[in-house]
């Protein structure tokens, strides 16, 4: 690693720490030539599949989009930020395990609803209301009643998961 100050390539690692459950390494380095200290991070590159949207468009997976949806669903709920991050990490692991180049957006929506259903029923209903595009209160009540009769109703309504 080159020193960002003098550009010499003989920097020395002083300390290494694992971050994000071993998904990254933080290294504290020192340059023997100029004496400057600096920090570097190593992360592996994750190749996630492209997402096939409802209208057939394809776009790359966007972690911030998933995070935004989860933050709205979990707003003012007693859900620690770490739990939200764990859901996203699990989703990304699930996507990598598929070993596919493309997946339907319904796969992501259904996975998130599954995680939320186990974690917090209010966040689950909030997410489902947006994801399933509830149009009015009658639609909302109807779908809630259907979900009481069939606990997996909201999760599997719509397209296939892949």
C-alpha atoms as a PDB file:
ATOM      1  CA  UNK A   1       0.000   0.000   0.000  1.00  0.00           C
ATOM      2  CA  UNK A   2       1.393   3.355  -1.020  1.00  0.00           C
ATOM      3  CA  UNK A   3       1.610   6.142   1.546  1.00  0.00           C
ATOM      4  CA  UNK A   4      -0.955   8.851   0.685  1.00  0.00           C
ATOM      5  CA  UNK A   5       1.549  11.509   1.849  1.00  0.00           C
ATOM      6  CA  UNK A   6       4.856  10.598   0.176  1.00  0.00           C
ATOM      7  CA  UNK A   7       3.670   7.794  -2.163  1.00  0.00           C
ATOM      8  CA  UNK A   8       6.374   5.354  -0.994  1.00  0.00           C
ATOM      9  CA  UNK A   9       5.241   1.728  -1.216  1.00  0.00           C
ATOM     10  CA  UNK A  10       6.867   0.297   1.904  1.00  0.00           C
ATOM     11  CA  UNK A  11       4.174   1.086   4.494  1.00  0.00           C
ATOM     12  CA  UNK A  12       3.927  -1.019   7.623  1.00  0.00           C
ATOM     13  CA  UNK A  13       0.755  -2.453   9.175  1.00  0.00           C
ATOM     14  CA  UNK A  14       0.494  -1.476  12.850  1.00  0.00           C
ATOM     15  CA  UNK A  15      -2.909  -2.958  13.679  1.00  0.00           C
ATOM     16  CA  UNK A  16      -5.658  -4.964  11.922  1.00  0.00           C
ATOM     17  CA  UNK A  17      -9.266  -5.351  13.011  1.00  0.00           C
ATOM     18  CA  UNK A  18     -12.180  -7.244  11.514  1.00  0.00           C
ATOM     19  CA  UNK A  19     -15.349  -5.239  10.842  1.00  0.00           C
ATOM     20  CA  UNK A  20     -18.903  -6.123   9.795  1.00  0.00           C
ATOM     21  CA  UNK A  21     -18.763  -9.722  10.998  1.00  0.00           C
ATOM     22  CA  UNK A  22     -15.511 -10.364   9.144  1.00  0.00           C
ATOM     23  CA  UNK A  23     -16.668  -8.792   5.878  1.00  0.00           C
ATOM     24  CA  UNK A  24     -14.043  -6.055   6.080  1.00  0.00           C
ATOM     25  CA  UNK A  25     -10.654  -5.429   7.634  1.00  0.00           C
ATOM     26  CA  UNK A  26      -9.476  -2.093   9.009  1.00  0.00           C
ATOM     27  CA  UNK A  27      -5.709  -1.655   8.942  1.00  0.00           C
ATOM     28  CA  UNK A  28      -3.804   1.090  10.711  1.00  0.00           C
ATOM     29  CA  UNK A  29      -0.602   1.767   8.777  1.00  0.00           C
ATOM     30  CA  UNK A  30       2.569   3.784   9.170  1.00  0.00           C
ATOM     31  CA  UNK A  31       5.047   5.008   6.596  1.00  0.00           C
ATOM     32  CA  UNK A  32       8.685   4.564   7.685  1.00  0.00           C
ATOM     33  CA  UNK A  33       9.806   7.139   5.082  1.00  0.00           C
ATOM     34  CA  UNK A  34       7.746  10.155   6.199  1.00  0.00           C
ATOM     35  CA  UNK A  35       6.307   8.943   9.525  1.00  0.00           C
ATOM     36  CA  UNK A  36       2.646   9.568   8.569  1.00  0.00           C
ATOM     37  CA  UNK A  37      -0.034   7.214   9.861  1.00  0.00           C
ATOM     38  CA  UNK A  38      -3.199   6.363   7.950  1.00  0.00           C
ATOM     39  CA  UNK A  39      -6.031   3.842   7.847  1.00  0.00           C
ATOM     40  CA  UNK A  40      -7.052   1.520   5.027  1.00  0.00           C
ATOM     41  CA  UNK A  41     -10.047  -0.770   4.635  1.00  0.00           C
ATOM     42  CA  UNK A  42     -10.270  -4.040   2.750  1.00  0.00           C
ATOM     43  CA  UNK A  43     -13.657  -5.302   1.623  1.00  0.00           C
ATOM     44  CA  UNK A  44     -14.520  -8.004  -0.810  1.00  0.00           C
ATOM     45  CA  UNK A  45     -16.522  -7.135  -3.881  1.00  0.00           C
ATOM     46  CA  UNK A  46     -20.040  -8.515  -3.842  1.00  0.00           C
ATOM     47  CA  UNK A  47     -21.669  -9.341  -7.167  1.00  0.00           C
ATOM     48  CA  UNK A  48     -25.394  -9.194  -6.600  1.00  0.00           C
ATOM     49  CA  UNK A  49     -27.939  -9.985  -9.305  1.00  0.00           C
ATOM     50  CA  UNK A  50     -29.791  -7.338 -11.272  1.00  0.00           C
ATOM     51  CA  UNK A  51     -33.388  -6.754 -10.241  1.00  0.00           C
ATOM     52  CA  UNK A  52     -36.289  -7.290 -12.639  1.00  0.00           C
ATOM     53  CA  UNK A  53     -38.896  -4.656 -11.766  1.00  0.00           C
ATOM     54  CA  UNK A  54     -42.671  -5.168 -12.016  1.00  0.00           C
ATOM     55  CA  UNK A  55     -42.804  -3.355 -15.351  1.00  0.00           C
ATOM     56  CA  UNK A  56     -40.003  -5.504 -16.802  1.00  0.00           C
ATOM     57  CA  UNK A  57     -37.218  -2.948 -16.441  1.00  0.00           C
ATOM     58  CA  UNK A  58     -33.926  -4.169 -15.066  1.00  0.00           C
ATOM     59  CA  UNK A  59     -31.719  -2.278 -12.678  1.00  0.00           C
ATOM     60  CA  UNK A  60     -28.808  -3.098 -10.442  1.00  0.00           C
ATOM     61  CA  UNK A  61     -29.434  -3.960  -6.803  1.00  0.00           C
ATOM     62  CA  UNK A  62     -29.387  -0.814  -4.673  1.00  0.00           C
ATOM     63  CA  UNK A  63     -28.742  -1.327  -0.978  1.00  0.00           C
ATOM     64  CA  UNK A  64     -29.831   2.240  -0.167  1.00  0.00           C
ATOM     65  CA  UNK A  65     -33.232   1.613  -1.745  1.00  0.00           C
ATOM     66  CA  UNK A  66     -33.791  -1.443   0.463  1.00  0.00           C
ATOM     67  CA  UNK A  67     -32.547   0.472   3.509  1.00  0.00           C
ATOM     68  CA  UNK A  68     -34.921   3.346   2.757  1.00  0.00           C
ATOM     69  CA  UNK A  69     -37.923   1.027   2.580  1.00  0.00           C
ATOM     70  CA  UNK A  70     -36.955  -0.666   5.820  1.00  0.00           C
ATOM     71  CA  UNK A  71     -36.374   2.646   7.600  1.00  0.00           C
ATOM     72  CA  UNK A  72     -39.867   3.825   6.651  1.00  0.00           C
ATOM     73  CA  UNK A  73     -41.460   0.542   7.763  1.00  0.00           C
ATOM     74  CA  UNK A  74     -39.529   0.527  11.047  1.00  0.00           C
ATOM     75  CA  UNK A  75     -39.945   4.222  11.826  1.00  0.00           C
ATOM     76  CA  UNK A  76     -40.896   4.857  15.468  1.00  0.00           C
ATOM     77  CA  UNK A  77     -40.774   1.135  16.228  1.00  0.00           C
ATOM     78  CA  UNK A  78     -38.498  -0.429  18.873  1.00  0.00           C
ATOM     79  CA  UNK A  79     -36.248  -1.989  16.236  1.00  0.00           C
ATOM     80  CA  UNK A  80     -32.499  -1.440  16.696  1.00  0.00           C
ATOM     81  CA  UNK A  81     -30.567  -0.177  13.682  1.00  0.00           C
ATOM     82  CA  UNK A  82     -28.373  -3.277  13.950  1.00  0.00           C
ATOM     83  CA  UNK A  83     -31.452  -5.441  13.270  1.00  0.00           C
ATOM     84  CA  UNK A  84     -32.188  -3.500  10.079  1.00  0.00           C
ATOM     85  CA  UNK A  85     -28.565  -3.882   8.963  1.00  0.00           C
ATOM     86  CA  UNK A  86     -28.718  -7.612   9.771  1.00  0.00           C
ATOM     87  CA  UNK A  87     -31.841  -7.943   7.586  1.00  0.00           C
ATOM     88  CA  UNK A  88     -30.050  -6.287   4.684  1.00  0.00           C
ATOM     89  CA  UNK A  89     -26.960  -8.455   5.192  1.00  0.00           C
ATOM     90  CA  UNK A  90     -29.138 -11.584   5.267  1.00  0.00           C
ATOM     91  CA  UNK A  91     -30.967 -10.456   2.118  1.00  0.00           C
ATOM     92  CA  UNK A  92     -27.661  -9.928   0.320  1.00  0.00           C
ATOM     93  CA  UNK A  93     -26.440 -13.336   1.473  1.00  0.00           C
ATOM     94  CA  UNK A  94     -29.680 -14.893   0.190  1.00  0.00           C
ATOM     95  CA  UNK A  95     -29.209 -13.127  -3.151  1.00  0.00           C
ATOM     96  CA  UNK A  96     -25.608 -14.345  -3.451  1.00  0.00           C
ATOM     97  CA  UNK A  97     -26.653 -17.900  -2.534  1.00  0.00           C
ATOM     98  CA  UNK A  98     -29.048 -17.931  -5.501  1.00  0.00           C
ATOM     99  CA  UNK A  99     -26.116 -17.569  -7.916  1.00  0.00           C
ATOM    100  CA  UNK A 100     -28.417 -15.922 -10.469  1.00  0.00           C
ATOM    101  CA  UNK A 101     -27.746 -12.943 -12.701  1.00  0.00           C
ATOM    102  CA  UNK A 102     -31.272 -11.586 -12.259  1.00  0.00           C
ATOM    103  CA  UNK A 103     -34.109 -11.926  -9.751  1.00  0.00           C
ATOM    104  CA  UNK A 104     -37.601 -10.442  -9.651  1.00  0.00           C
ATOM    105  CA  UNK A 105     -38.169  -7.585  -7.259  1.00  0.00           C
ATOM    106  CA  UNK A 106     -40.860  -9.768  -5.687  1.00  0.00           C
ATOM    107  CA  UNK A 107     -38.114 -12.034  -4.316  1.00  0.00           C
ATOM    108  CA  UNK A 108     -36.664  -9.093  -2.404  1.00  0.00           C
ATOM    109  CA  UNK A 109     -40.047  -7.815  -1.232  1.00  0.00           C
ATOM    110  CA  UNK A 110     -41.136 -11.255  -0.029  1.00  0.00           C
ATOM    111  CA  UNK A 111     -37.855 -11.834   1.813  1.00  0.00           C
ATOM    112  CA  UNK A 112     -38.087  -8.494   3.566  1.00  0.00           C
ATOM    113  CA  UNK A 113     -41.688  -9.159   4.546  1.00  0.00           C
ATOM    114  CA  UNK A 114     -40.600 -12.529   5.944  1.00  0.00           C
ATOM    115  CA  UNK A 115     -37.886 -10.920   8.061  1.00  0.00           C
ATOM    116  CA  UNK A 116     -40.226  -8.165   9.278  1.00  0.00           C
ATOM    117  CA  UNK A 117     -43.049 -10.572  10.061  1.00  0.00           C
ATOM    118  CA  UNK A 118     -40.782 -12.375  12.539  1.00  0.00           C
ATOM    119  CA  UNK A 119     -39.387  -9.130  13.956  1.00  0.00           C
ATOM    120  CA  UNK A 120     -42.279  -6.675  14.290  1.00  0.00           C
ATOM    121  CA  UNK A 121     -45.915  -7.012  13.117  1.00  0.00           C
ATOM    122  CA  UNK A 122     -46.452  -3.252  12.694  1.00  0.00           C
ATOM    123  CA  UNK A 123     -43.340  -2.825  10.542  1.00  0.00           C
ATOM    124  CA  UNK A 124     -44.435  -5.882   8.558  1.00  0.00           C
ATOM    125  CA  UNK A 125     -47.889  -4.398   7.840  1.00  0.00           C
ATOM    126  CA  UNK A 126     -46.386  -1.008   6.966  1.00  0.00           C
ATOM    127  CA  UNK A 127     -43.981  -2.569   4.495  1.00  0.00           C
ATOM    128  CA  UNK A 128     -46.684  -4.829   3.035  1.00  0.00           C
ATOM    129  CA  UNK A 129     -49.053  -1.867   2.591  1.00  0.00           C
ATOM    130  CA  UNK A 130     -46.522  -0.056   0.417  1.00  0.00           C
ATOM    131  CA  UNK A 131     -45.128  -3.130  -1.318  1.00  0.00           C
ATOM    132  CA  UNK A 132     -48.590  -4.530  -2.166  1.00  0.00           C
ATOM    133  CA  UNK A 133     -49.843  -1.060  -3.141  1.00  0.00           C
ATOM    134  CA  UNK A 134     -52.898  -0.895  -0.908  1.00  0.00           C
ATOM    135  CA  UNK A 135     -55.196   1.644  -2.616  1.00  0.00           C
ATOM    136  CA  UNK A 136     -57.649   2.507   0.142  1.00  0.00           C
ATOM    137  CA  UNK A 137     -58.764   1.495   3.613  1.00  0.00           C
ATOM    138  CA  UNK A 138     -61.121  -1.189   2.260  1.00  0.00           C
ATOM    139  CA  UNK A 139     -58.282  -2.812   0.355  1.00  0.00           C
ATOM    140  CA  UNK A 140     -56.143  -2.665   3.482  1.00  0.00           C
ATOM    141  CA  UNK A 141     -58.850  -4.228   5.703  1.00  0.00           C
ATOM    142  CA  UNK A 142     -59.629  -6.903   3.096  1.00  0.00           C
ATOM    143  CA  UNK A 143     -55.996  -7.939   2.809  1.00  0.00           C
ATOM    144  CA  UNK A 144     -55.505  -7.960   6.577  1.00  0.00           C
ATOM    145  CA  UNK A 145     -58.560 -10.235   6.947  1.00  0.00           C
ATOM    146  CA  UNK A 146     -57.215 -12.517   4.214  1.00  0.00           C
ATOM    147  CA  UNK A 147     -53.865 -12.644   5.974  1.00  0.00           C
ATOM    148  CA  UNK A 148     -55.584 -13.744   9.199  1.00  0.00           C
ATOM    149  CA  UNK A 149     -57.177 -16.645   7.329  1.00  0.00           C
ATOM    150  CA  UNK A 150     -53.941 -17.430   5.499  1.00  0.00           C
ATOM    151  CA  UNK A 151     -50.828 -16.221   7.419  1.00  0.00           C
ATOM    152  CA  UNK A 152     -48.668 -16.286   4.269  1.00  0.00           C
ATOM    153  CA  UNK A 153     -51.179 -14.388   2.094  1.00  0.00           C
ATOM    154  CA  UNK A 154     -49.359 -11.060   1.990  1.00  0.00           C
ATOM    155  CA  UNK A 155     -45.979 -12.669   1.444  1.00  0.00           C
ATOM    156  CA  UNK A 156     -46.892 -14.752  -1.600  1.00  0.00           C
ATOM    157  CA  UNK A 157     -49.461 -12.641  -3.386  1.00  0.00           C
ATOM    158  CA  UNK A 158     -48.206 -11.588  -6.792  1.00  0.00           C
ATOM    159  CA  UNK A 159     -45.357 -12.873  -8.969  1.00  0.00           C
ATOM    160  CA  UNK A 160     -43.047 -15.779  -8.269  1.00  0.00           C
ATOM    161  CA  UNK A 161     -40.078 -15.129  -6.079  1.00  0.00           C
ATOM    162  CA  UNK A 162     -37.474 -15.555  -8.792  1.00  0.00           C
END
